[in-house]
Amino acid sequence: MVFIALLFFASCNSPTTNSNYTQKSIQEYADAANPISENQSSEEYSNRLLIKNGSIRFRTEDWTQSKETITHHLKTFGGSIVHENIDTYDYSVNVYLDCKVPSDNFDEFLNLLEKDLGKPESKSIRVEDVTKYYRDTEARIQNKKELEIRYRELLKQAKTIAEILEIESKLNEIRFEIEQYEQLLKTYDAQISYSQLSINLFQETKRDFQFVKRIFRSISNGWDNFLWFLIGLVELWPFLIAIVIFILFYKKKRSKSKD
């Protein structure tokens, strides 16, 4: 009714030099289209939208074989490794794999990993229900699009440049908000469709003393320390000169006292 009355007022107002709608009427018009009703925001949906992510850590005897097993299961379920990092130490190897798995296959993928790689040392699964946020965002997009249509109809009836510029400014704001909400939905869609799983493979390596290697490492470290010692002496040259001058002065004074 507000929209029909506003259009009627805009089309029937007589003088062409007067504004057909003031700032107040436009703002009231926008406010009438913006709110989301409580029925919309509190409506229950049968299909929940879940974002499921997790992390898991395995101790393994052969991390290369374990990684091949993980890669095989990922291909089977349509997943992939999106990031990989390997840290090698003297007595251990840590492999970190960030995996992307279709959410529908997430639980089955986890079960197969535990079956083939053994009981995990640690495991953490996080599930976030974003149904309400998703539906609210959809409703906001719908409301903004309806408001955009109404402003475009108002734009057709604008009589002055000021009115045109004002309505176009509002349209730009609405379009920007719509694009933001749509981008948020795309992000939700990606997170809902694919789950993220961080896998850590830990392997202990043989504790070989490596005598020759340690000897060469010690020689190298000793030489480096000697060079740093020389650099330290160079940085202390003002103090060294002051000490030399003091010694010379002290000897000269002492020799005079003996005479």
C-alpha atoms as a PDB file:
ATOM      1  CA  MET A   1       0.000   0.000   0.000  1.00  0.00           C
ATOM      2  CA  VAL A   2       2.878   2.361   0.811  1.00  0.00           C
ATOM      3  CA  PHE A   3       4.388   1.767  -2.610  1.00  0.00           C
ATOM      4  CA  ILE A   4       1.062   2.232  -4.478  1.00  0.00           C
ATOM      5  CA  ALA A   5       0.311   5.447  -2.608  1.00  0.00           C
ATOM      6  CA  LEU A   6       3.813   6.745  -3.318  1.00  0.00           C
ATOM      7  CA  LEU A   7       3.507   5.998  -7.034  1.00  0.00           C
ATOM      8  CA  PHE A   8       0.075   7.609  -7.132  1.00  0.00           C
ATOM      9  CA  PHE A   9       1.428  10.693  -5.384  1.00  0.00           C
ATOM     10  CA  ALA A  10       4.407  10.829  -7.762  1.00  0.00           C
ATOM     11  CA  SER A  11       2.240  10.566 -10.902  1.00  0.00           C
ATOM     12  CA  CYS A  12      -0.531  12.955  -9.830  1.00  0.00           C
ATOM     13  CA  ASN A  13       1.410  15.797  -8.201  1.00  0.00           C
ATOM     14  CA  SER A  14       0.853  18.830 -10.449  1.00  0.00           C
ATOM     15  CA  PRO A  15       3.854  21.206 -10.544  1.00  0.00           C
ATOM     16  CA  THR A  16       6.850  19.923 -12.484  1.00  0.00           C
ATOM     17  CA  THR A  17       9.233  22.267 -10.733  1.00  0.00           C
ATOM     18  CA  ASN A  18       8.474  20.874  -7.242  1.00  0.00           C
ATOM     19  CA  SER A  19      10.009  17.681  -5.890  1.00  0.00           C
ATOM     20  CA  ASN A  20       7.682  14.640  -6.194  1.00  0.00           C
ATOM     21  CA  TYR A  21       9.168  12.940  -3.148  1.00  0.00           C
ATOM     22  CA  THR A  22      11.295  14.322  -0.377  1.00  0.00           C
ATOM     23  CA  GLN A  23      14.231  12.772   1.446  1.00  0.00           C
ATOM     24  CA  LYS A  24      11.844  11.719   4.217  1.00  0.00           C
ATOM     25  CA  SER A  25       9.499   9.882   1.865  1.00  0.00           C
ATOM     26  CA  ILE A  26      12.398   7.999   0.233  1.00  0.00           C
ATOM     27  CA  GLN A  27      13.859   6.969   3.598  1.00  0.00           C
ATOM     28  CA  GLU A  28      10.460   5.772   4.863  1.00  0.00           C
ATOM     29  CA  TYR A  29      10.064   3.900   1.622  1.00  0.00           C
ATOM     30  CA  ALA A  30      13.427   2.159   2.114  1.00  0.00           C
ATOM     31  CA  ASP A  31      12.720   1.329   5.746  1.00  0.00           C
ATOM     32  CA  ALA A  32       9.490  -0.381   4.765  1.00  0.00           C
ATOM     33  CA  ALA A  33      11.376  -2.831   2.525  1.00  0.00           C
ATOM     34  CA  ASN A  34      14.450  -3.521   4.670  1.00  0.00           C
ATOM     35  CA  PRO A  35      13.301  -5.422   7.778  1.00  0.00           C
ATOM     36  CA  ILE A  36      13.211  -9.208   7.878  1.00  0.00           C
ATOM     37  CA  SER A  37      10.116 -10.465   9.596  1.00  0.00           C
ATOM     38  CA  GLU A  38      10.474 -12.579  12.704  1.00  0.00           C
ATOM     39  CA  ASN A  39       8.663 -15.385  10.921  1.00  0.00           C
ATOM     40  CA  GLN A  40      11.417 -15.437   8.309  1.00  0.00           C
ATOM     41  CA  SER A  41      14.369 -15.339  10.714  1.00  0.00           C
ATOM     42  CA  SER A  42      12.884 -17.859  13.167  1.00  0.00           C
ATOM     43  CA  GLU A  43      11.523 -20.259  10.577  1.00  0.00           C
ATOM     44  CA  GLU A  44      12.710 -23.820  11.072  1.00  0.00           C
ATOM     45  CA  TYR A  45      14.224 -25.600   8.133  1.00  0.00           C
ATOM     46  CA  SER A  46      14.282 -29.336   7.874  1.00  0.00           C
ATOM     47  CA  ASN A  47      17.651 -29.540   6.097  1.00  0.00           C
ATOM     48  CA  ARG A  48      20.439 -28.214   8.281  1.00  0.00           C
ATOM     49  CA  LEU A  49      23.459 -26.598   6.645  1.00  0.00           C
ATOM     50  CA  LEU A  50      26.635 -27.704   8.384  1.00  0.00           C
ATOM     51  CA  ILE A  51      30.279 -26.685   8.082  1.00  0.00           C
ATOM     52  CA  LYS A  52      32.438 -29.584   9.217  1.00  0.00           C
ATOM     53  CA  ASN A  53      36.207 -29.331   9.713  1.00  0.00           C
ATOM     54  CA  GLY A  54      38.764 -31.251  11.738  1.00  0.00           C
ATOM     55  CA  SER A  55      42.324 -32.267  12.475  1.00  0.00           C
ATOM     56  CA  ILE A  56      43.896 -35.662  13.129  1.00  0.00           C
ATOM     57  CA  ARG A  57      47.389 -36.931  14.009  1.00  0.00           C
ATOM     58  CA  PHE A  58      48.870 -40.370  13.317  1.00  0.00           C
ATOM     59  CA  ARG A  59      52.136 -41.945  14.400  1.00  0.00           C
ATOM     60  CA  THR A  60      53.522 -44.002  11.529  1.00  0.00           C
ATOM     61  CA  GLU A  61      56.473 -46.236  10.708  1.00  0.00           C
ATOM     62  CA  ASP A  62      56.630 -45.073   7.079  1.00  0.00           C
ATOM     63  CA  TRP A  63      55.214 -41.622   6.358  1.00  0.00           C
ATOM     64  CA  THR A  64      55.611 -41.989   2.574  1.00  0.00           C
ATOM     65  CA  GLN A  65      53.412 -45.097   2.557  1.00  0.00           C
ATOM     66  CA  SER A  66      50.887 -43.413   4.854  1.00  0.00           C
ATOM     67  CA  LYS A  67      50.748 -40.405   2.552  1.00  0.00           C
ATOM     68  CA  GLU A  68      50.114 -42.662  -0.453  1.00  0.00           C
ATOM     69  CA  THR A  69      47.226 -44.253   1.437  1.00  0.00           C
ATOM     70  CA  ILE A  70      45.753 -40.827   2.212  1.00  0.00           C
ATOM     71  CA  THR A  71      46.152 -39.685  -1.404  1.00  0.00           C
ATOM     72  CA  HIS A  72      44.438 -42.843  -2.667  1.00  0.00           C
ATOM     73  CA  HIS A  73      41.409 -42.365  -0.406  1.00  0.00           C
ATOM     74  CA  LEU A  74      41.191 -38.691  -1.327  1.00  0.00           C
ATOM     75  CA  LYS A  75      41.004 -39.531  -5.024  1.00  0.00           C
ATOM     76  CA  THR A  76      38.356 -42.150  -4.282  1.00  0.00           C
ATOM     77  CA  PHE A  77      36.119 -39.593  -2.553  1.00  0.00           C
ATOM     78  CA  GLY A  78      36.844 -36.672  -4.871  1.00  0.00           C
ATOM     79  CA  GLY A  79      39.096 -34.809  -2.445  1.00  0.00           C
ATOM     80  CA  SER A  80      42.568 -33.341  -2.744  1.00  0.00           C
ATOM     81  CA  ILE A  81      45.602 -32.076  -0.821  1.00  0.00           C
ATOM     82  CA  VAL A  82      45.594 -28.275  -0.928  1.00  0.00           C
ATOM     83  CA  HIS A  83      48.746 -27.688   1.120  1.00  0.00           C
ATOM     84  CA  GLU A  84      51.675 -29.856   2.222  1.00  0.00           C
ATOM     85  CA  ASN A  85      54.575 -29.219   4.567  1.00  0.00           C
ATOM     86  CA  ILE A  86      57.361 -31.593   5.683  1.00  0.00           C
ATOM     87  CA  ASP A  87      59.630 -30.864   8.660  1.00  0.00           C
ATOM     88  CA  THR A  88      62.682 -33.131   8.929  1.00  0.00           C
ATOM     89  CA  TYR A  89      64.694 -33.263  12.156  1.00  0.00           C
ATOM     90  CA  ASP A  90      67.593 -35.429  13.370  1.00  0.00           C
ATOM     91  CA  TYR A  91      65.360 -38.065  14.905  1.00  0.00           C
ATOM     92  CA  SER A  92      61.876 -37.437  13.487  1.00  0.00           C
ATOM     93  CA  VAL A  93      59.808 -36.363  10.494  1.00  0.00           C
ATOM     94  CA  ASN A  94      56.572 -34.361  10.703  1.00  0.00           C
ATOM     95  CA  VAL A  95      54.296 -34.255   7.667  1.00  0.00           C
ATOM     96  CA  TYR A  96      51.392 -31.796   7.570  1.00  0.00           C
ATOM     97  CA  LEU A  97      48.655 -32.220   4.969  1.00  0.00           C
ATOM     98  CA  ASP A  98      45.720 -29.839   4.541  1.00  0.00           C
ATOM     99  CA  CYS A  99      43.019 -31.785   2.727  1.00  0.00           C
ATOM    100  CA  LYS A 100      39.712 -30.860   1.136  1.00  0.00           C
ATOM    101  CA  VAL A 101      37.029 -33.566   1.180  1.00  0.00           C
ATOM    102  CA  PRO A 102      33.399 -33.504  -0.008  1.00  0.00           C
ATOM    103  CA  SER A 103      31.338 -33.062   3.163  1.00  0.00           C
ATOM    104  CA  ASP A 104      29.058 -35.994   2.342  1.00  0.00           C
ATOM    105  CA  ASN A 105      32.104 -38.304   2.376  1.00  0.00           C
ATOM    106  CA  PHE A 106      33.905 -36.735   5.332  1.00  0.00           C
ATOM    107  CA  ASP A 107      32.935 -39.305   7.977  1.00  0.00           C
ATOM    108  CA  GLU A 108      33.583 -42.278   5.706  1.00  0.00           C
ATOM    109  CA  PHE A 109      36.971 -40.853   4.738  1.00  0.00           C
ATOM    110  CA  LEU A 110      37.906 -40.494   8.407  1.00  0.00           C
ATOM    111  CA  ASN A 111      36.837 -44.055   9.165  1.00  0.00           C
ATOM    112  CA  LEU A 112      39.005 -45.416   6.352  1.00  0.00           C
ATOM    113  CA  LEU A 113      42.014 -43.440   7.582  1.00  0.00           C
ATOM    114  CA  GLU A 114      41.665 -44.859  11.085  1.00  0.00           C
ATOM    115  CA  LYS A 115      41.201 -48.338   9.642  1.00  0.00           C
ATOM    116  CA  ASP A 116      44.346 -48.185   7.466  1.00  0.00           C
ATOM    117  CA  LEU A 117      46.637 -45.963   9.569  1.00  0.00           C
ATOM    118  CA  GLY A 118      45.618 -47.143  13.010  1.00  0.00           C
ATOM    119  CA  LYS A 119      44.309 -45.363  16.061  1.00  0.00           C
ATOM    120  CA  PRO A 120      45.089 -41.624  15.913  1.00  0.00           C
ATOM    121  CA  GLU A 121      47.132 -39.985  18.659  1.00  0.00           C
ATOM    122  CA  SER A 122      44.761 -37.027  18.590  1.00  0.00           C
ATOM    123  CA  LYS A 123      41.560 -36.131  16.777  1.00  0.00           C
ATOM    124  CA  SER A 124      39.353 -33.034  16.730  1.00  0.00           C
ATOM    125  CA  ILE A 125      36.161 -32.525  14.719  1.00  0.00           C
ATOM    126  CA  ARG A 126      34.311 -29.194  14.629  1.00  0.00           C
ATOM    127  CA  VAL A 127      30.753 -28.852  13.283  1.00  0.00           C
ATOM    128  CA  GLU A 128      29.073 -25.463  12.856  1.00  0.00           C
ATOM    129  CA  ASP A 129      25.385 -25.131  12.003  1.00  0.00           C
ATOM    130  CA  VAL A 130      25.006 -22.113   9.704  1.00  0.00           C
ATOM    131  CA  THR A 131      21.416 -22.785   8.611  1.00  0.00           C
ATOM    132  CA  LYS A 132      19.983 -19.690  10.312  1.00  0.00           C
ATOM    133  CA  TYR A 133      22.727 -17.380   8.994  1.00  0.00           C
ATOM    134  CA  TYR A 134      22.367 -18.800   5.487  1.00  0.00           C
ATOM    135  CA  ARG A 135      18.573 -18.437   5.390  1.00  0.00           C
ATOM    136  CA  ASP A 136      18.718 -14.957   6.888  1.00  0.00           C
ATOM    137  CA  THR A 137      21.212 -13.922   4.211  1.00  0.00           C
ATOM    138  CA  GLU A 138      18.956 -15.322   1.494  1.00  0.00           C
ATOM    139  CA  ALA A 139      16.025 -13.360   2.913  1.00  0.00           C
ATOM    140  CA  ARG A 140      18.095 -10.179   3.046  1.00  0.00           C
ATOM    141  CA  ILE A 141      19.096 -10.601  -0.596  1.00  0.00           C
ATOM    142  CA  GLN A 142      15.449 -11.058  -1.575  1.00  0.00           C
ATOM    143  CA  ASN A 143      14.401  -7.966   0.355  1.00  0.00           C
ATOM    144  CA  LYS A 144      17.219  -5.898  -1.137  1.00  0.00           C
ATOM    145  CA  LYS A 145      16.296  -6.996  -4.659  1.00  0.00           C
ATOM    146  CA  GLU A 146      12.658  -6.021  -4.085  1.00  0.00           C
ATOM    147  CA  LEU A 147      13.830  -2.657  -2.787  1.00  0.00           C
ATOM    148  CA  GLU A 148      16.034  -2.261  -5.859  1.00  0.00           C
ATOM    149  CA  ILE A 149      13.043  -2.847  -8.158  1.00  0.00           C
ATOM    150  CA  ARG A 150      11.020  -0.220  -6.315  1.00  0.00           C
ATOM    151  CA  TYR A 151      13.777   2.355  -6.524  1.00  0.00           C
ATOM    152  CA  ARG A 152      14.123   1.719 -10.257  1.00  0.00           C
ATOM    153  CA  GLU A 153      10.427   2.401 -10.655  1.00  0.00           C
ATOM    154  CA  LEU A 154      10.862   5.603  -8.684  1.00  0.00           C
ATOM    155  CA  LEU A 155      13.796   6.531 -10.927  1.00  0.00           C
ATOM    156  CA  LYS A 156      11.551   6.415 -13.971  1.00  0.00           C
ATOM    157  CA  GLN A 157       9.293   9.026 -12.377  1.00  0.00           C
ATOM    158  CA  ALA A 158      12.054  11.371 -11.195  1.00  0.00           C
ATOM    159  CA  LYS A 159      11.603  14.908 -12.510  1.00  0.00           C
ATOM    160  CA  THR A 160      14.741  16.707 -11.393  1.00  0.00           C
ATOM    161  CA  ILE A 161      18.462  15.993 -11.558  1.00  0.00           C
ATOM    162  CA  ALA A 162      18.654  16.094  -7.765  1.00  0.00           C
ATOM    163  CA  GLU A 163      16.010  13.369  -7.502  1.00  0.00           C
ATOM    164  CA  ILE A 164      17.768  11.250 -10.129  1.00  0.00           C
ATOM    165  CA  LEU A 165      21.135  11.536  -8.399  1.00  0.00           C
ATOM    166  CA  GLU A 166      19.648  10.751  -5.002  1.00  0.00           C
ATOM    167  CA  ILE A 167      17.850   7.633  -6.219  1.00  0.00           C
ATOM    168  CA  GLU A 168      20.863   6.431  -8.212  1.00  0.00           C
ATOM    169  CA  SER A 169      22.998   6.808  -5.088  1.00  0.00           C
ATOM    170  CA  LYS A 170      20.543   4.630  -3.162  1.00  0.00           C
ATOM    171  CA  LEU A 171      20.528   2.085  -5.990  1.00  0.00           C
ATOM    172  CA  ASN A 172      24.339   1.859  -5.880  1.00  0.00           C
ATOM    173  CA  GLU A 173      24.236   1.260  -2.136  1.00  0.00           C
ATOM    174  CA  ILE A 174      21.616  -1.454  -2.512  1.00  0.00           C
ATOM    175  CA  ARG A 175      23.506  -3.168  -5.349  1.00  0.00           C
ATOM    176  CA  PHE A 176      26.712  -3.114  -3.266  1.00  0.00           C
ATOM    177  CA  GLU A 177      24.900  -4.729  -0.314  1.00  0.00           C
ATOM    178  CA  ILE A 178      23.361  -7.376  -2.566  1.00  0.00           C
ATOM    179  CA  GLU A 179      26.777  -8.305  -3.983  1.00  0.00           C
ATOM    180  CA  GLN A 180      28.219  -8.571  -0.481  1.00  0.00           C
ATOM    181  CA  TYR A 181      25.437 -10.889   0.660  1.00  0.00           C
ATOM    182  CA  GLU A 182      25.772 -12.996  -2.500  1.00  0.00           C
ATOM    183  CA  GLN A 183      29.526 -13.333  -1.912  1.00  0.00           C
ATOM    184  CA  LEU A 184      28.802 -14.455   1.644  1.00  0.00           C
ATOM    185  CA  LEU A 185      26.469 -17.157   0.308  1.00  0.00           C
ATOM    186  CA  LYS A 186      29.174 -18.346  -2.101  1.00  0.00           C
ATOM    187  CA  THR A 187      31.586 -18.644   0.818  1.00  0.00           C
ATOM    188  CA  TYR A 188      29.033 -20.612   2.800  1.00  0.00           C
ATOM    189  CA  ASP A 189      28.370 -22.874  -0.206  1.00  0.00           C
ATOM    190  CA  ALA A 190      32.079 -23.677  -0.561  1.00  0.00           C
ATOM    191  CA  GLN A 191      32.490 -24.399   3.159  1.00  0.00           C
ATOM    192  CA  ILE A 192      29.338 -26.512   3.297  1.00  0.00           C
ATOM    193  CA  SER A 193      30.168 -28.544   0.185  1.00  0.00           C
ATOM    194  CA  TYR A 194      33.782 -29.329   1.150  1.00  0.00           C
ATOM    195  CA  SER A 195      35.217 -30.048   4.581  1.00  0.00           C
ATOM    196  CA  GLN A 196      38.765 -29.172   5.602  1.00  0.00           C
ATOM    197  CA  LEU A 197      40.857 -31.819   7.368  1.00  0.00           C
ATOM    198  CA  SER A 198      44.393 -31.201   8.668  1.00  0.00           C
ATOM    199  CA  ILE A 199      46.389 -34.436   8.875  1.00  0.00           C
ATOM    200  CA  ASN A 200      49.665 -34.740  10.768  1.00  0.00           C
ATOM    201  CA  LEU A 201      51.918 -37.779  10.213  1.00  0.00           C
ATOM    202  CA  PHE A 202      54.690 -38.262  12.764  1.00  0.00           C
ATOM    203  CA  GLN A 203      57.557 -40.715  12.263  1.00  0.00           C
ATOM    204  CA  GLU A 204      60.548 -41.327  14.487  1.00  0.00           C
ATOM    205  CA  THR A 205      63.807 -41.973  12.626  1.00  0.00           C
ATOM    206  CA  LYS A 206      66.792 -44.100  13.693  1.00  0.00           C
ATOM    207  CA  ARG A 207      69.046 -42.493  16.295  1.00  0.00           C
ATOM    208  CA  ASP A 208      72.347 -42.891  14.427  1.00  0.00           C
ATOM    209  CA  PHE A 209      75.193 -41.101  16.262  1.00  0.00           C
ATOM    210  CA  GLN A 210      76.804 -40.067  12.926  1.00  0.00           C
ATOM    211  CA  PHE A 211      80.318 -39.531  14.364  1.00  0.00           C
ATOM    212  CA  VAL A 212      82.007 -38.221  11.196  1.00  0.00           C
ATOM    213  CA  LYS A 213      79.150 -35.876  10.423  1.00  0.00           C
ATOM    214  CA  ARG A 214      79.230 -34.477  13.949  1.00  0.00           C
ATOM    215  CA  ILE A 215      83.049 -33.936  13.745  1.00  0.00           C
ATOM    216  CA  PHE A 216      82.721 -31.852  10.567  1.00  0.00           C
ATOM    217  CA  ARG A 217      79.776 -29.961  12.034  1.00  0.00           C
ATOM    218  CA  SER A 218      81.823 -29.169  15.179  1.00  0.00           C
ATOM    219  CA  ILE A 219      84.748 -27.919  13.071  1.00  0.00           C
ATOM    220  CA  SER A 220      82.400 -25.716  11.088  1.00  0.00           C
ATOM    221  CA  ASN A 221      80.729 -24.371  14.236  1.00  0.00           C
ATOM    222  CA  GLY A 222      84.154 -23.729  15.864  1.00  0.00           C
ATOM    223  CA  TRP A 223      85.355 -21.751  12.859  1.00  0.00           C
ATOM    224  CA  ASP A 224      82.153 -19.706  12.850  1.00  0.00           C
ATOM    225  CA  ASN A 225      82.559 -18.952  16.545  1.00  0.00           C
ATOM    226  CA  PHE A 226      86.166 -17.848  15.963  1.00  0.00           C
ATOM    227  CA  LEU A 227      85.070 -15.453  13.223  1.00  0.00           C
ATOM    228  CA  TRP A 228      82.382 -13.996  15.479  1.00  0.00           C
ATOM    229  CA  PHE A 229      85.056 -13.550  18.179  1.00  0.00           C
ATOM    230  CA  LEU A 230      87.212 -11.525  15.765  1.00  0.00           C
ATOM    231  CA  ILE A 231      84.217  -9.418  14.772  1.00  0.00           C
ATOM    232  CA  GLY A 232      83.572  -8.756  18.452  1.00  0.00           C
ATOM    233  CA  LEU A 233      87.158  -7.596  18.948  1.00  0.00           C
ATOM    234  CA  VAL A 234      86.891  -5.230  15.990  1.00  0.00           C
ATOM    235  CA  GLU A 235      83.731  -3.709  17.456  1.00  0.00           C
ATOM    236  CA  LEU A 236      85.646  -3.096  20.733  1.00  0.00           C
ATOM    237  CA  TRP A 237      88.553  -1.204  19.077  1.00  0.00           C
ATOM    238  CA  PRO A 238      87.945   2.087  20.987  1.00  0.00           C
ATOM    239  CA  PHE A 239      88.269   0.243  24.289  1.00  0.00           C
ATOM    240  CA  LEU A 240      91.402  -1.591  23.093  1.00  0.00           C
ATOM    241  CA  ILE A 241      93.066   1.707  22.100  1.00  0.00           C
ATOM    242  CA  ALA A 242      92.105   3.230  25.454  1.00  0.00           C
ATOM    243  CA  ILE A 243      93.646   0.265  27.284  1.00  0.00           C
ATOM    244  CA  VAL A 244      96.915   0.522  25.263  1.00  0.00           C
ATOM    245  CA  ILE A 245      97.179   4.282  25.967  1.00  0.00           C
ATOM    246  CA  PHE A 246      96.545   3.696  29.653  1.00  0.00           C
ATOM    247  CA  ILE A 247      99.273   1.010  29.838  1.00  0.00           C
ATOM    248  CA  LEU A 248     101.800   3.221  28.028  1.00  0.00           C
ATOM    249  CA  PHE A 249     100.958   6.176  30.260  1.00  0.00           C
ATOM    250  CA  TYR A 250     101.217   4.019  33.376  1.00  0.00           C
ATOM    251  CA  LYS A 251     104.649   2.614  32.354  1.00  0.00           C
ATOM    252  CA  LYS A 252     105.954   6.077  31.496  1.00  0.00           C
ATOM    253  CA  LYS A 253     104.799   7.497  34.817  1.00  0.00           C
ATOM    254  CA  ARG A 254     106.267   4.586  36.695  1.00  0.00           C
ATOM    255  CA  SER A 255     109.654   4.947  34.975  1.00  0.00           C
ATOM    256  CA  LYS A 256     109.765   8.634  35.934  1.00  0.00           C
ATOM    257  CA  SER A 257     109.007   7.849  39.543  1.00  0.00           C
ATOM    258  CA  LYS A 258     111.958   5.458  39.666  1.00  0.00           C
ATOM    259  CA  ASP A 259     114.277   8.114  38.286  1.00  0.00           C
END
